[in-house]
Amino acid sequence: QVQLVESGGGLVQAGGSLRLSCAASGRTFSSRSMGWFRQAPGKEREFVAAISWSGDSTGYPDSVKGRFTASRDNAKNTVYLQMNSLTPDDTAVYYCAAAPPFRSASAKTPDYDYWGQGTQVNVSS
């Protein structure tokens, strides 16, 4: 069983930055690829970042590539999402997710079996 708790959301002006954190419980964190997703009101949940269990591979959609960076600290059981150059289109609830042990990082929600409760990010124009 893995519990995930996101933090770091809030209100920021366009062009600003935020760093989200996702703290994981349990002893299997270091073997799990992690994903970040977001969901805006009335929209489907969408992929924003993934990082492999080893930390040596990351992936991003074009919408955030060059602005968002995922990283992890396995000693702290924590994964991070650094978000720069934010725009109002980035406003959403952001979720972290954990994949089964030793699976590759993925952009697909069904590939993750644990999800956090989410943290709200609001970007004002």
N, C-alpha and C. Protein backbone atom coordinates (compact mmCIF):
# COMPACT_ATOMS: atom_id res chain seq x y z
N GLN A 1 0.84 -1.19 0.00
CA GLN A 1 0.00 0.00 0.00
C GLN A 1 0.88 1.25 0.00
N VAL A 2 0.51 2.21 -0.83
CA VAL A 2 1.26 3.46 -0.94
C VAL A 2 0.30 4.62 -0.76
N GLN A 3 0.65 5.53 0.11
CA GLN A 3 -0.12 6.76 0.24
C GLN A 3 0.71 7.91 -0.29
N LEU A 4 0.05 8.77 -1.06
CA LEU A 4 0.72 9.90 -1.69
C LEU A 4 0.07 11.19 -1.23
N VAL A 5 0.88 12.16 -0.84
CA VAL A 5 0.36 13.44 -0.39
C VAL A 5 1.08 14.56 -1.12
N GLU A 6 0.31 15.31 -1.91
CA GLU A 6 0.86 16.43 -2.65
C GLU A 6 0.83 17.70 -1.81
N SER A 7 1.76 18.59 -2.09
CA SER A 7 1.78 19.91 -1.45
C SER A 7 2.48 20.89 -2.38
N GLY A 8 2.34 22.17 -2.05
CA GLY A 8 3.06 23.19 -2.81
C GLY A 8 2.21 23.98 -3.78
N GLY A 9 0.95 23.61 -3.91
CA GLY A 9 0.07 24.38 -4.78
C GLY A 9 -0.25 25.74 -4.20
N GLY A 10 -0.91 26.55 -5.00
CA GLY A 10 -1.29 27.87 -4.55
C GLY A 10 -1.61 28.79 -5.70
N LEU A 11 -1.62 30.07 -5.40
CA LEU A 11 -1.93 31.10 -6.40
C LEU A 11 -0.64 31.80 -6.82
N VAL A 12 -0.43 31.92 -8.11
CA VAL A 12 0.77 32.57 -8.63
C VAL A 12 0.39 33.38 -9.86
N GLN A 13 1.12 34.45 -10.09
CA GLN A 13 0.87 35.25 -11.29
C GLN A 13 1.48 34.59 -12.52
N ALA A 14 0.92 34.90 -13.67
CA ALA A 14 1.47 34.40 -14.93
C ALA A 14 2.95 34.76 -15.03
N GLY A 15 3.74 33.80 -15.47
CA GLY A 15 5.17 33.99 -15.56
C GLY A 15 5.92 33.53 -14.33
N GLY A 16 5.18 33.23 -13.27
CA GLY A 16 5.80 32.79 -12.03
C GLY A 16 6.11 31.31 -12.01
N SER A 17 6.56 30.86 -10.84
CA SER A 17 6.98 29.47 -10.67
C SER A 17 6.38 28.90 -9.39
N LEU A 18 6.24 27.60 -9.39
CA LEU A 18 5.85 26.84 -8.21
C LEU A 18 6.59 25.52 -8.24
N ARG A 19 6.84 24.97 -7.05
CA ARG A 19 7.37 23.62 -6.97
C ARG A 19 6.41 22.77 -6.16
N LEU A 20 5.91 21.75 -6.79
CA LEU A 20 5.04 20.80 -6.12
C LEU A 20 5.87 19.65 -5.56
N SER A 21 5.41 19.13 -4.43
CA SER A 21 6.04 17.97 -3.83
C SER A 21 5.00 16.87 -3.65
N CYS A 22 5.46 15.65 -3.70
CA CYS A 22 4.58 14.50 -3.46
C CYS A 22 5.35 13.54 -2.55
N ALA A 23 4.88 13.43 -1.32
CA ALA A 23 5.52 12.56 -0.35
C ALA A 23 4.82 11.21 -0.34
N ALA A 24 5.60 10.16 -0.39
CA ALA A 24 5.05 8.80 -0.45
C ALA A 24 5.36 8.03 0.82
N SER A 25 4.40 7.22 1.23
CA SER A 25 4.64 6.31 2.36
C SER A 25 5.10 4.97 1.82
N GLY A 26 5.60 4.14 2.71
CA GLY A 26 5.96 2.79 2.32
C GLY A 26 7.41 2.64 1.91
N ARG A 27 7.80 1.38 1.69
CA ARG A 27 9.20 1.07 1.41
C ARG A 27 9.47 0.74 -0.06
N THR A 28 8.45 0.95 -0.91
CA THR A 28 8.62 0.59 -2.31
C THR A 28 8.78 1.80 -3.23
N PHE A 29 8.84 2.99 -2.64
CA PHE A 29 8.89 4.20 -3.46
C PHE A 29 10.03 4.16 -4.47
N SER A 30 11.20 3.75 -4.03
CA SER A 30 12.37 3.80 -4.91
C SER A 30 12.28 2.85 -6.09
N SER A 31 11.32 1.95 -6.09
CA SER A 31 11.15 1.02 -7.20
C SER A 31 9.98 1.40 -8.11
N ARG A 32 9.37 2.53 -7.83
CA ARG A 32 8.16 2.93 -8.58
C ARG A 32 8.40 4.16 -9.44
N SER A 33 8.09 4.03 -10.71
CA SER A 33 8.03 5.23 -11.56
C SER A 33 6.86 6.09 -11.08
N MET A 34 7.03 7.39 -11.24
CA MET A 34 6.03 8.33 -10.73
C MET A 34 5.55 9.24 -11.85
N GLY A 35 4.30 9.62 -11.78
CA GLY A 35 3.73 10.52 -12.77
C GLY A 35 3.07 11.71 -12.12
N TRP A 36 2.99 12.78 -12.89
CA TRP A 36 2.22 13.96 -12.51
C TRP A 36 1.15 14.18 -13.57
N PHE A 37 -0.05 14.43 -13.10
CA PHE A 37 -1.18 14.70 -13.98
C PHE A 37 -1.91 15.92 -13.46
N ARG A 38 -2.76 16.50 -14.30
CA ARG A 38 -3.56 17.63 -13.85
C ARG A 38 -4.95 17.53 -14.45
N GLN A 39 -5.88 18.17 -13.77
CA GLN A 39 -7.26 18.18 -14.25
C GLN A 39 -7.87 19.55 -13.98
N ALA A 40 -8.27 20.21 -15.06
CA ALA A 40 -8.95 21.49 -14.96
C ALA A 40 -10.46 21.25 -14.95
N PRO A 41 -11.25 22.18 -14.43
CA PRO A 41 -12.70 22.01 -14.40
C PRO A 41 -13.26 21.72 -15.78
N GLY A 42 -14.07 20.68 -15.88
CA GLY A 42 -14.72 20.34 -17.14
C GLY A 42 -13.83 19.65 -18.14
N LYS A 43 -12.61 19.35 -17.73
CA LYS A 43 -11.67 18.70 -18.66
C LYS A 43 -11.22 17.35 -18.12
N GLU A 44 -10.70 16.52 -19.01
CA GLU A 44 -10.18 15.23 -18.59
C GLU A 44 -8.81 15.39 -17.92
N ARG A 45 -8.48 14.41 -17.11
CA ARG A 45 -7.15 14.42 -16.48
C ARG A 45 -6.10 14.24 -17.57
N GLU A 46 -5.05 15.06 -17.52
CA GLU A 46 -4.01 14.99 -18.55
C GLU A 46 -2.64 14.84 -17.93
N PHE A 47 -1.80 14.18 -18.67
CA PHE A 47 -0.42 13.91 -18.28
C PHE A 47 0.42 15.17 -18.36
N VAL A 48 1.28 15.41 -17.35
CA VAL A 48 2.20 16.54 -17.42
C VAL A 48 3.67 16.15 -17.22
N ALA A 49 3.93 15.02 -16.55
CA ALA A 49 5.33 14.63 -16.36
C ALA A 49 5.39 13.22 -15.81
N ALA A 50 6.49 12.56 -16.08
CA ALA A 50 6.76 11.26 -15.50
C ALA A 50 8.25 11.11 -15.29
N ILE A 51 8.60 10.34 -14.27
CA ILE A 51 10.00 10.08 -13.98
C ILE A 51 10.13 8.61 -13.63
N SER A 52 11.15 7.98 -14.18
CA SER A 52 11.35 6.55 -13.95
C SER A 52 11.74 6.28 -12.51
N TRP A 53 11.62 5.00 -12.13
CA TRP A 53 11.90 4.65 -10.73
C TRP A 53 13.37 4.92 -10.39
N SER A 54 14.25 4.82 -11.39
CA SER A 54 15.66 5.09 -11.15
C SER A 54 15.98 6.58 -11.20
N GLY A 55 15.06 7.35 -11.76
CA GLY A 55 15.29 8.78 -11.87
C GLY A 55 16.08 9.21 -13.09
N ASP A 56 16.48 8.24 -13.93
CA ASP A 56 17.34 8.61 -15.06
C ASP A 56 16.57 8.88 -16.34
N SER A 57 15.25 8.82 -16.27
CA SER A 57 14.44 9.07 -17.45
C SER A 57 13.20 9.87 -17.07
N THR A 58 12.93 10.90 -17.85
CA THR A 58 11.73 11.71 -17.63
C THR A 58 11.01 11.90 -18.96
N GLY A 59 9.75 12.28 -18.88
CA GLY A 59 8.96 12.53 -20.08
C GLY A 59 7.94 13.62 -19.84
N TYR A 60 7.67 14.38 -20.88
CA TYR A 60 6.73 15.51 -20.77
C TYR A 60 5.95 15.66 -22.07
N PRO A 61 4.72 16.15 -21.98
CA PRO A 61 4.02 16.49 -23.22
C PRO A 61 4.54 17.83 -23.75
N ASP A 62 4.24 18.12 -24.98
CA ASP A 62 4.73 19.36 -25.59
C ASP A 62 4.23 20.60 -24.86
N SER A 63 3.05 20.48 -24.24
CA SER A 63 2.44 21.65 -23.59
C SER A 63 3.26 22.18 -22.41
N VAL A 64 4.10 21.32 -21.81
CA VAL A 64 4.88 21.77 -20.65
C VAL A 64 6.38 21.58 -20.85
N LYS A 65 6.77 20.95 -21.93
CA LYS A 65 8.19 20.67 -22.17
C LYS A 65 8.99 21.98 -22.17
N GLY A 66 10.08 21.96 -21.44
CA GLY A 66 10.91 23.15 -21.32
C GLY A 66 10.50 24.08 -20.19
N ARG A 67 9.32 23.86 -19.63
CA ARG A 67 8.84 24.67 -18.50
C ARG A 67 8.74 23.87 -17.21
N PHE A 68 8.36 22.59 -17.31
CA PHE A 68 8.19 21.75 -16.13
C PHE A 68 9.33 20.74 -16.04
N THR A 69 9.75 20.44 -14.83
CA THR A 69 10.80 19.46 -14.60
C THR A 69 10.43 18.57 -13.43
N ALA A 70 10.42 17.28 -13.67
CA ALA A 70 10.18 16.30 -12.60
C ALA A 70 11.52 15.81 -12.05
N SER A 71 11.56 15.61 -10.74
CA SER A 71 12.75 15.06 -10.11
C SER A 71 12.30 14.24 -8.91
N ARG A 72 13.22 13.49 -8.34
CA ARG A 72 12.87 12.68 -7.18
C ARG A 72 14.05 12.56 -6.24
N ASP A 73 13.72 12.35 -4.97
CA ASP A 73 14.72 12.09 -3.94
C ASP A 73 14.27 10.82 -3.25
N ASN A 74 14.86 9.71 -3.63
CA ASN A 74 14.43 8.42 -3.09
C ASN A 74 14.74 8.29 -1.60
N ALA A 75 15.72 9.01 -1.12
CA ALA A 75 16.04 8.97 0.31
C ALA A 75 14.94 9.63 1.13
N LYS A 76 14.20 10.55 0.51
CA LYS A 76 13.12 11.26 1.20
C LYS A 76 11.74 10.78 0.76
N ASN A 77 11.72 9.75 -0.09
CA ASN A 77 10.43 9.24 -0.59
C ASN A 77 9.57 10.35 -1.19
N THR A 78 10.20 11.22 -1.95
CA THR A 78 9.50 12.39 -2.46
C THR A 78 9.81 12.61 -3.94
N VAL A 79 8.79 12.99 -4.67
CA VAL A 79 8.95 13.38 -6.06
C VAL A 79 8.50 14.84 -6.18
N TYR A 80 9.14 15.56 -7.07
CA TYR A 80 8.90 16.99 -7.21
C TYR A 80 8.49 17.34 -8.64
N LEU A 81 7.78 18.45 -8.77
CA LEU A 81 7.47 19.00 -10.07
C LEU A 81 7.76 20.49 -10.02
N GLN A 82 8.84 20.89 -10.65
CA GLN A 82 9.18 22.30 -10.75
C GLN A 82 8.47 22.88 -11.97
N MET A 83 7.70 23.92 -11.75
CA MET A 83 6.90 24.52 -12.82
C MET A 83 7.31 25.98 -12.98
N ASN A 84 7.80 26.32 -14.16
CA ASN A 84 8.25 27.67 -14.46
C ASN A 84 7.41 28.26 -15.59
N SER A 85 7.49 29.58 -15.73
CA SER A 85 6.79 30.28 -16.81
C SER A 85 5.32 29.88 -16.88
N LEU A 86 4.69 29.89 -15.73
CA LEU A 86 3.30 29.44 -15.67
C LEU A 86 2.37 30.39 -16.40
N THR A 87 1.33 29.82 -16.97
CA THR A 87 0.29 30.59 -17.66
C THR A 87 -1.07 30.21 -17.07
N PRO A 88 -2.10 31.03 -17.32
CA PRO A 88 -3.43 30.67 -16.81
C PRO A 88 -3.90 29.29 -17.28
N ASP A 89 -3.42 28.83 -18.43
CA ASP A 89 -3.80 27.50 -18.91
C ASP A 89 -3.26 26.38 -18.04
N ASP A 90 -2.33 26.68 -17.16
CA ASP A 90 -1.79 25.68 -16.24
C ASP A 90 -2.65 25.52 -14.99
N THR A 91 -3.68 26.34 -14.85
CA THR A 91 -4.57 26.24 -13.69
C THR A 91 -5.30 24.91 -13.69
N ALA A 92 -5.16 24.19 -12.58
CA ALA A 92 -5.76 22.85 -12.48
C ALA A 92 -5.46 22.28 -11.10
N VAL A 93 -6.08 21.15 -10.81
CA VAL A 93 -5.66 20.34 -9.67
C VAL A 93 -4.57 19.39 -10.18
N TYR A 94 -3.46 19.37 -9.48
CA TYR A 94 -2.33 18.54 -9.87
C TYR A 94 -2.24 17.31 -8.96
N TYR A 95 -2.08 16.15 -9.59
CA TYR A 95 -2.03 14.88 -8.89
C TYR A 95 -0.70 14.18 -9.17
N CYS A 96 -0.17 13.53 -8.15
CA CYS A 96 0.93 12.61 -8.40
C CYS A 96 0.38 11.19 -8.34
N ALA A 97 1.09 10.29 -9.01
CA ALA A 97 0.65 8.90 -9.10
C ALA A 97 1.86 7.98 -9.10
N ALA A 98 1.67 6.79 -8.55
CA ALA A 98 2.75 5.80 -8.47
C ALA A 98 2.39 4.58 -9.31
N ALA A 99 3.35 4.15 -10.11
CA ALA A 99 3.17 2.95 -10.93
C ALA A 99 3.57 1.70 -10.13
N PRO A 100 3.16 0.53 -10.57
CA PRO A 100 3.62 -0.70 -9.92
C PRO A 100 5.14 -0.79 -9.96
N PRO A 101 5.74 -1.52 -9.04
CA PRO A 101 7.21 -1.59 -8.97
C PRO A 101 7.86 -2.01 -10.29
N PHE A 102 8.93 -1.29 -10.62
CA PHE A 102 9.81 -1.58 -11.75
C PHE A 102 9.13 -1.48 -13.11
N ARG A 103 8.00 -0.78 -13.17
CA ARG A 103 7.39 -0.49 -14.47
C ARG A 103 8.00 0.79 -15.03
N SER A 104 7.99 0.92 -16.33
CA SER A 104 8.51 2.13 -16.96
C SER A 104 7.59 3.31 -16.67
N ALA A 105 8.15 4.50 -16.75
CA ALA A 105 7.34 5.70 -16.63
C ALA A 105 6.36 5.76 -17.79
N SER A 106 5.18 6.28 -17.52
CA SER A 106 4.12 6.25 -18.52
C SER A 106 3.32 7.55 -18.51
N ALA A 107 2.71 7.84 -19.65
CA ALA A 107 1.83 9.02 -19.76
C ALA A 107 0.36 8.63 -19.59
N LYS A 108 0.09 7.36 -19.34
CA LYS A 108 -1.28 6.87 -19.33
C LYS A 108 -1.78 6.63 -17.91
N THR A 109 -2.94 7.18 -17.57
CA THR A 109 -3.47 7.03 -16.22
C THR A 109 -3.67 5.58 -15.80
N PRO A 110 -4.11 4.66 -16.67
CA PRO A 110 -4.31 3.27 -16.21
C PRO A 110 -3.02 2.57 -15.78
N ASP A 111 -1.87 3.13 -16.12
CA ASP A 111 -0.59 2.51 -15.77
C ASP A 111 -0.16 2.84 -14.34
N TYR A 112 -0.97 3.60 -13.63
CA TYR A 112 -0.65 3.98 -12.26
C TYR A 112 -1.69 3.37 -11.32
N ASP A 113 -1.23 2.87 -10.17
CA ASP A 113 -2.19 2.22 -9.29
C ASP A 113 -2.42 2.95 -7.97
N TYR A 114 -1.66 4.00 -7.71
CA TYR A 114 -1.90 4.81 -6.52
C TYR A 114 -1.89 6.28 -6.92
N TRP A 115 -2.81 7.03 -6.32
CA TRP A 115 -2.98 8.44 -6.63
C TRP A 115 -3.07 9.26 -5.35
N GLY A 116 -2.56 10.46 -5.41
CA GLY A 116 -2.73 11.39 -4.31
C GLY A 116 -4.07 12.11 -4.42
N GLN A 117 -4.34 12.96 -3.43
CA GLN A 117 -5.61 13.70 -3.39
C GLN A 117 -5.58 14.94 -4.26
N GLY A 118 -4.42 15.39 -4.63
CA GLY A 118 -4.31 16.55 -5.50
C GLY A 118 -4.02 17.84 -4.75
N THR A 119 -3.41 18.78 -5.46
CA THR A 119 -3.16 20.11 -4.92
C THR A 119 -3.53 21.13 -5.99
N GLN A 120 -4.23 22.19 -5.57
CA GLN A 120 -4.75 23.17 -6.52
C GLN A 120 -3.67 24.16 -6.90
N VAL A 121 -3.55 24.42 -8.19
CA VAL A 121 -2.67 25.45 -8.72
C VAL A 121 -3.52 26.44 -9.50
N ASN A 122 -3.44 27.70 -9.11
CA ASN A 122 -4.16 28.76 -9.81
C ASN A 122 -3.16 29.79 -10.32
N VAL A 123 -3.25 30.07 -11.61
CA VAL A 123 -2.35 31.04 -12.23
C VAL A 123 -3.20 32.21 -12.72
N SER A 124 -2.93 33.38 -12.19
CA SER A 124 -3.70 34.57 -12.58
C SER A 124 -3.00 35.31 -13.71
N SER A 125 -3.81 35.94 -14.53
CA SER A 125 -3.26 36.67 -15.69
C SER A 125 -2.88 38.10 -15.32
